[in-house]
């Protein structure tokens, strides 16, 4: 396990330490997922979540063979089309 610290900016941003980026094989443009449970903040590449559920969900035909970024964009548009705060 690698443990390093960072500082939260006034804009809520933090820089991921270079050693962690390298060890996690993160690249520019990679999507990250953030979760919080029992006082622990967890950051992981979104693709890891996709790989964990791969094969456990049936993808509707209209979404098959679609680029993942396009699929995410469509899902967000459909979700927020009916969203009212």
PDB file of N, CA and C in Angstrom:
ATOM      1  N   UNK A   1       0.843  -1.175   0.000  1.00  0.00           N
ATOM      2  CA  UNK A   1       0.000   0.000   0.000  1.00  0.00           C
ATOM      3  C   UNK A   1       0.885   1.234   0.000  1.00  0.00           C
ATOM      4  N   UNK A   2       0.520   2.213  -0.801  1.00  0.00           N
ATOM      5  CA  UNK A   2       1.225   3.490  -0.849  1.00  0.00           C
ATOM      6  C   UNK A   2       0.336   4.522  -0.163  1.00  0.00           C
ATOM      7  N   UNK A   3       0.892   5.280   0.736  1.00  0.00           N
ATOM      8  CA  UNK A   3       0.153   6.343   1.402  1.00  0.00           C
ATOM      9  C   UNK A   3       0.925   7.634   1.260  1.00  0.00           C
ATOM     10  N   UNK A   4       0.279   8.638   0.689  1.00  0.00           N
ATOM     11  CA  UNK A   4       0.875   9.957   0.555  1.00  0.00           C
ATOM     12  C   UNK A   4      -0.202  10.988   0.849  1.00  0.00           C
ATOM     13  N   UNK A   5       0.211  12.218   1.109  1.00  0.00           N
ATOM     14  CA  UNK A   5      -0.764  13.248   1.435  1.00  0.00           C
ATOM     15  C   UNK A   5      -0.836  14.299   0.335  1.00  0.00           C
ATOM     16  N   UNK A   6      -1.928  15.039   0.354  1.00  0.00           N
ATOM     17  CA  UNK A   6      -2.138  16.150  -0.559  1.00  0.00           C
ATOM     18  C   UNK A   6      -2.893  17.222   0.199  1.00  0.00           C
ATOM     19  N   UNK A   7      -3.078  18.366  -0.415  1.00  0.00           N
ATOM     20  CA  UNK A   7      -3.774  19.478   0.219  1.00  0.00           C
ATOM     21  C   UNK A   7      -4.995  19.856  -0.602  1.00  0.00           C
ATOM     22  N   UNK A   8      -6.118  20.007   0.069  1.00  0.00           N
ATOM     23  CA  UNK A   8      -7.360  20.414  -0.575  1.00  0.00           C
ATOM     24  C   UNK A   8      -7.320  21.921  -0.794  1.00  0.00           C
ATOM     25  N   UNK A   9      -7.569  22.383  -2.025  1.00  0.00           N
ATOM     26  CA  UNK A   9      -7.574  23.807  -2.318  1.00  0.00           C
ATOM     27  C   UNK A   9      -8.930  24.413  -1.964  1.00  0.00           C
ATOM     28  N   UNK A  10      -9.008  25.731  -2.037  1.00  0.00           N
ATOM     29  CA  UNK A  10     -10.270  26.425  -1.743  1.00  0.00           C
ATOM     30  C   UNK A  10     -11.347  26.072  -2.766  1.00  0.00           C
ATOM     31  N   UNK A  11     -10.955  25.558  -3.924  1.00  0.00           N
ATOM     32  CA  UNK A  11     -11.902  25.146  -4.959  1.00  0.00           C
ATOM     33  C   UNK A  11     -12.268  23.666  -4.846  1.00  0.00           C
ATOM     34  N   UNK A  12     -11.811  22.997  -3.788  1.00  0.00           N
ATOM     35  CA  UNK A  12     -12.127  21.587  -3.593  1.00  0.00           C
ATOM     36  C   UNK A  12     -11.289  20.656  -4.451  1.00  0.00           C
ATOM     37  N   UNK A  13     -10.146  21.116  -4.912  1.00  0.00           N
ATOM     38  CA  UNK A  13      -9.286  20.306  -5.760  1.00  0.00           C
ATOM     39  C   UNK A  13      -8.094  19.785  -4.967  1.00  0.00           C
ATOM     40  N   UNK A  14      -7.608  18.631  -5.387  1.00  0.00           N
ATOM     41  CA  UNK A  14      -6.406  18.063  -4.787  1.00  0.00           C
ATOM     42  C   UNK A  14      -5.597  17.417  -5.908  1.00  0.00           C
ATOM     43  N   UNK A  15      -4.294  17.508  -5.823  1.00  0.00           N
ATOM     44  CA  UNK A  15      -3.420  16.874  -6.804  1.00  0.00           C
ATOM     45  C   UNK A  15      -3.081  15.473  -6.309  1.00  0.00           C
ATOM     46  N   UNK A  16      -3.254  14.490  -7.186  1.00  0.00           N
ATOM     47  CA  UNK A  16      -2.901  13.119  -6.838  1.00  0.00           C
ATOM     48  C   UNK A  16      -1.381  13.008  -6.936  1.00  0.00           C
ATOM     49  N   UNK A  17      -0.723  12.534  -5.887  1.00  0.00           N
ATOM     50  CA  UNK A  17       0.738  12.420  -5.919  1.00  0.00           C
ATOM     51  C   UNK A  17       1.229  11.573  -7.106  1.00  0.00           C
ATOM     52  N   UNK A  18       2.347  11.998  -7.697  1.00  0.00           N
ATOM     53  CA  UNK A  18       2.888  11.355  -8.898  1.00  0.00           C
ATOM     54  C   UNK A  18       3.125   9.859  -8.715  1.00  0.00           C
ATOM     55  N   UNK A  19       3.600   9.446  -7.549  1.00  0.00           N
ATOM     56  CA  UNK A  19       3.874   8.021  -7.325  1.00  0.00           C
ATOM     57  C   UNK A  19       2.579   7.203  -7.390  1.00  0.00           C
ATOM     58  N   UNK A  20       1.492   7.765  -6.907  1.00  0.00           N
ATOM     59  CA  UNK A  20       0.209   7.058  -6.952  1.00  0.00           C
ATOM     60  C   UNK A  20      -0.315   7.016  -8.384  1.00  0.00           C
ATOM     61  N   UNK A  21      -0.181   8.113  -9.103  1.00  0.00           N
ATOM     62  CA  UNK A  21      -0.592   8.133 -10.512  1.00  0.00           C
ATOM     63  C   UNK A  21       0.150   7.057 -11.290  1.00  0.00           C
ATOM     64  N   UNK A  22       1.456   6.983 -11.081  1.00  0.00           N
ATOM     65  CA  UNK A  22       2.276   5.999 -11.796  1.00  0.00           C
ATOM     66  C   UNK A  22       1.902   4.570 -11.383  1.00  0.00           C
ATOM     67  N   UNK A  23       1.767   4.334 -10.095  1.00  0.00           N
ATOM     68  CA  UNK A  23       1.448   2.991  -9.597  1.00  0.00           C
ATOM     69  C   UNK A  23       0.073   2.525 -10.066  1.00  0.00           C
ATOM     70  N   UNK A  24      -0.870   3.465 -10.182  1.00  0.00           N
ATOM     71  CA  UNK A  24      -2.231   3.116 -10.614  1.00  0.00           C
ATOM     72  C   UNK A  24      -2.368   3.129 -12.130  1.00  0.00           C
ATOM     73  N   UNK A  25      -1.269   3.466 -12.824  1.00  0.00           N
ATOM     74  CA  UNK A  25      -1.251   3.537 -14.281  1.00  0.00           C
ATOM     75  C   UNK A  25      -2.333   4.483 -14.817  1.00  0.00           C
ATOM     76  N   UNK A  26      -2.492   5.615 -14.141  1.00  0.00           N
ATOM     77  CA  UNK A  26      -3.463   6.611 -14.579  1.00  0.00           C
ATOM     78  C   UNK A  26      -2.861   7.463 -15.683  1.00  0.00           C
ATOM     79  N   UNK A  27      -3.695   7.839 -16.623  1.00  0.00           N
ATOM     80  CA  UNK A  27      -3.266   8.671 -17.742  1.00  0.00           C
ATOM     81  C   UNK A  27      -4.201   9.871 -17.855  1.00  0.00           C
ATOM     82  N   UNK A  28      -3.713  10.917 -18.508  1.00  0.00           N
ATOM     83  CA  UNK A  28      -4.525  12.113 -18.747  1.00  0.00           C
ATOM     84  C   UNK A  28      -5.844  11.714 -19.414  1.00  0.00           C
ATOM     85  N   UNK A  29      -6.936  12.238 -18.899  1.00  0.00           N
ATOM     86  CA  UNK A  29      -8.249  11.959 -19.475  1.00  0.00           C
ATOM     87  C   UNK A  29      -8.977  10.778 -18.851  1.00  0.00           C
ATOM     88  N   UNK A  30      -8.292   9.985 -18.036  1.00  0.00           N
ATOM     89  CA  UNK A  30      -8.965   8.868 -17.367  1.00  0.00           C
ATOM     90  C   UNK A  30     -10.060   9.403 -16.449  1.00  0.00           C
ATOM     91  N   UNK A  31     -11.183   8.747 -16.434  1.00  0.00           N
ATOM     92  CA  UNK A  31     -12.284   9.103 -15.548  1.00  0.00           C
ATOM     93  C   UNK A  31     -12.039   8.441 -14.196  1.00  0.00           C
ATOM     94  N   UNK A  32     -12.359   9.168 -13.127  1.00  0.00           N
ATOM     95  CA  UNK A  32     -12.194   8.646 -11.774  1.00  0.00           C
ATOM     96  C   UNK A  32     -13.530   8.676 -11.058  1.00  0.00           C
ATOM     97  N   UNK A  33     -13.741   7.723 -10.202  1.00  0.00           N
ATOM     98  CA  UNK A  33     -14.961   7.630  -9.403  1.00  0.00           C
ATOM     99  C   UNK A  33     -14.612   7.897  -7.946  1.00  0.00           C
ATOM    100  N   UNK A  34     -15.433   8.689  -7.281  1.00  0.00           N
ATOM    101  CA  UNK A  34     -15.216   9.048  -5.881  1.00  0.00           C
ATOM    102  C   UNK A  34     -16.357   8.482  -5.057  1.00  0.00           C
ATOM    103  N   UNK A  35     -16.034   7.881  -3.926  1.00  0.00           N
ATOM    104  CA  UNK A  35     -17.068   7.389  -3.014  1.00  0.00           C
ATOM    105  C   UNK A  35     -16.658   7.716  -1.581  1.00  0.00           C
ATOM    106  N   UNK A  36     -17.638   7.785  -0.709  1.00  0.00           N
ATOM    107  CA  UNK A  36     -17.387   8.113   0.693  1.00  0.00           C
ATOM    108  C   UNK A  36     -18.252   7.205   1.550  1.00  0.00           C
ATOM    109  N   UNK A  37     -17.613   6.476   2.475  1.00  0.00           N
ATOM    110  CA  UNK A  37     -18.344   5.581   3.374  1.00  0.00           C
ATOM    111  C   UNK A  37     -17.559   5.426   4.662  1.00  0.00           C
ATOM    112  N   UNK A  38     -18.251   5.562   5.767  1.00  0.00           N
ATOM    113  CA  UNK A  38     -17.640   5.392   7.088  1.00  0.00           C
ATOM    114  C   UNK A  38     -16.363   6.216   7.271  1.00  0.00           C
ATOM    115  N   UNK A  39     -16.393   7.457   6.800  1.00  0.00           N
ATOM    116  CA  UNK A  39     -15.258   8.348   6.980  1.00  0.00           C
ATOM    117  C   UNK A  39     -14.103   8.119   6.036  1.00  0.00           C
ATOM    118  N   UNK A  40     -14.258   7.232   5.066  1.00  0.00           N
ATOM    119  CA  UNK A  40     -13.177   6.919   4.124  1.00  0.00           C
ATOM    120  C   UNK A  40     -13.560   7.399   2.725  1.00  0.00           C
ATOM    121  N   UNK A  41     -12.669   8.185   2.127  1.00  0.00           N
ATOM    122  CA  UNK A  41     -12.856   8.634   0.753  1.00  0.00           C
ATOM    123  C   UNK A  41     -12.088   7.673  -0.147  1.00  0.00           C
ATOM    124  N   UNK A  42     -12.756   7.167  -1.151  1.00  0.00           N
ATOM    125  CA  UNK A  42     -12.131   6.208  -2.064  1.00  0.00           C
ATOM    126  C   UNK A  42     -12.174   6.790  -3.476  1.00  0.00           C
ATOM    127  N   UNK A  43     -11.040   6.752  -4.157  1.00  0.00           N
ATOM    128  CA  UNK A  43     -10.935   7.202  -5.541  1.00  0.00           C
ATOM    129  C   UNK A  43     -10.455   6.012  -6.356  1.00  0.00           C
ATOM    130  N   UNK A  44     -11.167   5.712  -7.429  1.00  0.00           N
ATOM    131  CA  UNK A  44     -10.709   4.614  -8.283  1.00  0.00           C
ATOM    132  C   UNK A  44     -11.043   4.914  -9.733  1.00  0.00           C
ATOM    133  N   UNK A  45     -10.252   4.374 -10.654  1.00  0.00           N
ATOM    134  CA  UNK A  45     -10.564   4.560 -12.066  1.00  0.00           C
ATOM    135  C   UNK A  45     -11.954   3.995 -12.376  1.00  0.00           C
ATOM    136  N   UNK A  46     -12.754   4.772 -13.074  1.00  0.00           N
ATOM    137  CA  UNK A  46     -14.113   4.350 -13.397  1.00  0.00           C
ATOM    138  C   UNK A  46     -14.118   3.035 -14.157  1.00  0.00           C
ATOM    139  N   UNK A  47     -13.123   2.812 -14.987  1.00  0.00           N
ATOM    140  CA  UNK A  47     -13.064   1.572 -15.763  1.00  0.00           C
ATOM    141  C   UNK A  47     -13.033   0.351 -14.854  1.00  0.00           C
ATOM    142  N   UNK A  48     -12.471   0.478 -13.644  1.00  0.00           N
ATOM    143  CA  UNK A  48     -12.467  -0.650 -12.706  1.00  0.00           C
ATOM    144  C   UNK A  48     -13.890  -1.052 -12.334  1.00  0.00           C
ATOM    145  N   UNK A  49     -14.742  -0.063 -12.142  1.00  0.00           N
ATOM    146  CA  UNK A  49     -16.142  -0.338 -11.808  1.00  0.00           C
ATOM    147  C   UNK A  49     -16.825  -1.018 -12.988  1.00  0.00           C
ATOM    148  N   UNK A  50     -16.554  -0.513 -14.178  1.00  0.00           N
ATOM    149  CA  UNK A  50     -17.141  -1.105 -15.386  1.00  0.00           C
ATOM    150  C   UNK A  50     -16.698  -2.560 -15.519  1.00  0.00           C
ATOM    151  N   UNK A  51     -15.423  -2.824 -15.273  1.00  0.00           N
ATOM    152  CA  UNK A  51     -14.915  -4.204 -15.385  1.00  0.00           C
ATOM    153  C   UNK A  51     -15.548  -5.125 -14.338  1.00  0.00           C
ATOM    154  N   UNK A  52     -15.804  -4.599 -13.128  1.00  0.00           N
ATOM    155  CA  UNK A  52     -16.403  -5.428 -12.078  1.00  0.00           C
ATOM    156  C   UNK A  52     -17.825  -5.855 -12.432  1.00  0.00           C
ATOM    157  N   UNK A  53     -18.570  -4.968 -13.090  1.00  0.00           N
ATOM    158  CA  UNK A  53     -19.954  -5.305 -13.409  1.00  0.00           C
ATOM    159  C   UNK A  53     -20.113  -5.870 -14.817  1.00  0.00           C
ATOM    160  N   UNK A  54     -19.022  -5.865 -15.590  1.00  0.00           N
ATOM    161  CA  UNK A  54     -19.092  -6.370 -16.960  1.00  0.00           C
ATOM    162  C   UNK A  54     -19.654  -7.785 -16.986  1.00  0.00           C
ATOM    163  N   UNK A  55     -20.619  -7.960 -17.846  1.00  0.00           N
ATOM    164  CA  UNK A  55     -21.241  -9.270 -17.989  1.00  0.00           C
ATOM    165  C   UNK A  55     -22.392  -9.520 -17.032  1.00  0.00           C
ATOM    166  N   UNK A  56     -22.541  -8.681 -16.016  1.00  0.00           N
ATOM    167  CA  UNK A  56     -23.627  -8.896 -15.056  1.00  0.00           C
ATOM    168  C   UNK A  56     -24.875  -8.098 -15.433  1.00  0.00           C
ATOM    169  N   UNK A  57     -24.746  -7.229 -16.386  1.00  0.00           N
ATOM    170  CA  UNK A  57     -25.876  -6.421 -16.839  1.00  0.00           C
ATOM    171  C   UNK A  57     -26.136  -6.695 -18.311  1.00  0.00           C
ATOM    172  N   UNK A  58     -27.383  -6.659 -18.699  1.00  0.00           N
ATOM    173  CA  UNK A  58     -27.736  -6.826 -20.101  1.00  0.00           C
ATOM    174  C   UNK A  58     -27.831  -5.431 -20.713  1.00  0.00           C
ATOM    175  N   UNK A  59     -27.033  -5.188 -21.739  1.00  0.00           N
ATOM    176  CA  UNK A  59     -27.015  -3.899 -22.409  1.00  0.00           C
ATOM    177  C   UNK A  59     -28.075  -3.903 -23.508  1.00  0.00           C
ATOM    178  N   UNK A  60     -28.999  -2.940 -23.472  1.00  0.00           N
ATOM    179  CA  UNK A  60     -30.014  -2.882 -24.536  1.00  0.00           C
ATOM    180  C   UNK A  60     -29.362  -2.787 -25.910  1.00  0.00           C
ATOM    181  N   UNK A  61     -30.006  -3.373 -26.899  1.00  0.00           N
ATOM    182  CA  UNK A  61     -29.438  -3.433 -28.252  1.00  0.00           C
ATOM    183  C   UNK A  61     -29.043  -2.063 -28.785  1.00  0.00           C
ATOM    184  N   UNK A  62     -29.847  -1.033 -28.461  1.00  0.00           N
ATOM    185  CA  UNK A  62     -29.543   0.298 -29.016  1.00  0.00           C
ATOM    186  C   UNK A  62     -28.211   0.855 -28.504  1.00  0.00           C
ATOM    187  N   UNK A  63     -27.677   0.289 -27.404  1.00  0.00           N
ATOM    188  CA  UNK A  63     -26.414   0.756 -26.849  1.00  0.00           C
ATOM    189  C   UNK A  63     -25.232  -0.167 -27.167  1.00  0.00           C
ATOM    190  N   UNK A  64     -25.487  -1.313 -27.742  1.00  0.00           N
ATOM    191  CA  UNK A  64     -24.405  -2.246 -28.036  1.00  0.00           C
ATOM    192  C   UNK A  64     -23.482  -1.664 -29.096  1.00  0.00           C
ATOM    193  N   UNK A  65     -22.208  -1.952 -28.976  1.00  0.00           N
ATOM    194  CA  UNK A  65     -21.158  -1.475 -29.887  1.00  0.00           C
ATOM    195  C   UNK A  65     -20.983   0.045 -29.851  1.00  0.00           C
ATOM    196  N   UNK A  66     -21.459   0.689 -28.777  1.00  0.00           N
ATOM    197  CA  UNK A  66     -21.326   2.128 -28.635  1.00  0.00           C
ATOM    198  C   UNK A  66     -20.102   2.442 -27.778  1.00  0.00           C
ATOM    199  N   UNK A  67     -19.392   3.483 -28.131  1.00  0.00           N
ATOM    200  CA  UNK A  67     -18.245   3.957 -27.363  1.00  0.00           C
ATOM    201  C   UNK A  67     -18.689   4.270 -25.934  1.00  0.00           C
ATOM    202  N   UNK A  68     -17.874   3.899 -24.941  1.00  0.00           N
ATOM    203  CA  UNK A  68     -18.238   4.076 -23.540  1.00  0.00           C
ATOM    204  C   UNK A  68     -18.504   5.536 -23.198  1.00  0.00           C
ATOM    205  N   UNK A  69     -17.676   6.463 -23.689  1.00  0.00           N
ATOM    206  CA  UNK A  69     -17.907   7.877 -23.400  1.00  0.00           C
ATOM    207  C   UNK A  69     -19.237   8.351 -23.973  1.00  0.00           C
ATOM    208  N   UNK A  70     -19.591   7.875 -25.161  1.00  0.00           N
ATOM    209  CA  UNK A  70     -20.873   8.235 -25.781  1.00  0.00           C
ATOM    210  C   UNK A  70     -22.025   7.652 -24.966  1.00  0.00           C
ATOM    211  N   UNK A  71     -21.871   6.423 -24.521  1.00  0.00           N
ATOM    212  CA  UNK A  71     -22.894   5.765 -23.703  1.00  0.00           C
ATOM    213  C   UNK A  71     -23.111   6.523 -22.397  1.00  0.00           C
ATOM    214  N   UNK A  72     -22.033   6.954 -21.767  1.00  0.00           N
ATOM    215  CA  UNK A  72     -22.139   7.729 -20.528  1.00  0.00           C
ATOM    216  C   UNK A  72     -22.846   9.057 -20.788  1.00  0.00           C
ATOM    217  N   UNK A  73     -22.495   9.717 -21.885  1.00  0.00           N
ATOM    218  CA  UNK A  73     -23.118  10.997 -22.233  1.00  0.00           C
ATOM    219  C   UNK A  73     -24.628  10.827 -22.421  1.00  0.00           C
ATOM    220  N   UNK A  74     -25.035   9.804 -23.144  1.00  0.00           N
ATOM    221  CA  UNK A  74     -26.456   9.549 -23.381  1.00  0.00           C
ATOM    222  C   UNK A  74     -27.174   9.247 -22.072  1.00  0.00           C
ATOM    223  N   UNK A  75     -26.559   8.429 -21.227  1.00  0.00           N
ATOM    224  CA  UNK A  75     -27.163   8.082 -19.941  1.00  0.00           C
ATOM    225  C   UNK A  75     -27.365   9.332 -19.085  1.00  0.00           C
ATOM    226  N   UNK A  76     -26.385  10.225 -19.062  1.00  0.00           N
ATOM    227  CA  UNK A  76     -26.519  11.468 -18.297  1.00  0.00           C
ATOM    228  C   UNK A  76     -27.643  12.329 -18.860  1.00  0.00           C
ATOM    229  N   UNK A  77     -27.688  12.460 -20.179  1.00  0.00           N
ATOM    230  CA  UNK A  77     -28.733  13.270 -20.811  1.00  0.00           C
ATOM    231  C   UNK A  77     -30.117  12.718 -20.479  1.00  0.00           C
ATOM    232  N   UNK A  78     -30.277  11.402 -20.555  1.00  0.00           N
ATOM    233  CA  UNK A  78     -31.570  10.790 -20.247  1.00  0.00           C
ATOM    234  C   UNK A  78     -31.918  10.961 -18.771  1.00  0.00           C
ATOM    235  N   UNK A  79     -30.930  10.812 -17.902  1.00  0.00           N
ATOM    236  CA  UNK A  79     -31.177  10.946 -16.465  1.00  0.00           C
ATOM    237  C   UNK A  79     -31.589  12.369 -16.107  1.00  0.00           C
ATOM    238  N   UNK A  80     -30.848  13.350 -16.611  1.00  0.00           N
ATOM    239  CA  UNK A  80     -31.097  14.736 -16.224  1.00  0.00           C
ATOM    240  C   UNK A  80     -32.228  15.394 -17.005  1.00  0.00           C
ATOM    241  N   UNK A  81     -32.730  14.740 -18.052  1.00  0.00           N
ATOM    242  CA  UNK A  81     -33.854  15.299 -18.806  1.00  0.00           C
ATOM    243  C   UNK A  81     -35.089  15.440 -17.914  1.00  0.00           C
ATOM    244  N   UNK A  82     -35.235  14.539 -16.962  1.00  0.00           N
ATOM    245  CA  UNK A  82     -36.404  14.546 -16.087  1.00  0.00           C
ATOM    246  C   UNK A  82     -36.057  14.958 -14.665  1.00  0.00           C
ATOM    247  N   UNK A  83     -34.848  15.475 -14.461  1.00  0.00           N
ATOM    248  CA  UNK A  83     -34.386  15.831 -13.137  1.00  0.00           C
ATOM    249  C   UNK A  83     -34.915  17.191 -12.708  1.00  0.00           C
ATOM    250  N   UNK A  84     -35.483  17.236 -11.509  1.00  0.00           N
ATOM    251  CA  UNK A  84     -35.894  18.511 -10.927  1.00  0.00           C
ATOM    252  C   UNK A  84     -35.406  18.557  -9.493  1.00  0.00           C
ATOM    253  N   UNK A  85     -34.594  19.569  -9.179  1.00  0.00           N
ATOM    254  CA  UNK A  85     -34.041  19.648  -7.806  1.00  0.00           C
ATOM    255  C   UNK A  85     -35.081  20.013  -6.781  1.00  0.00           C
TER     256      UNK A  85
END
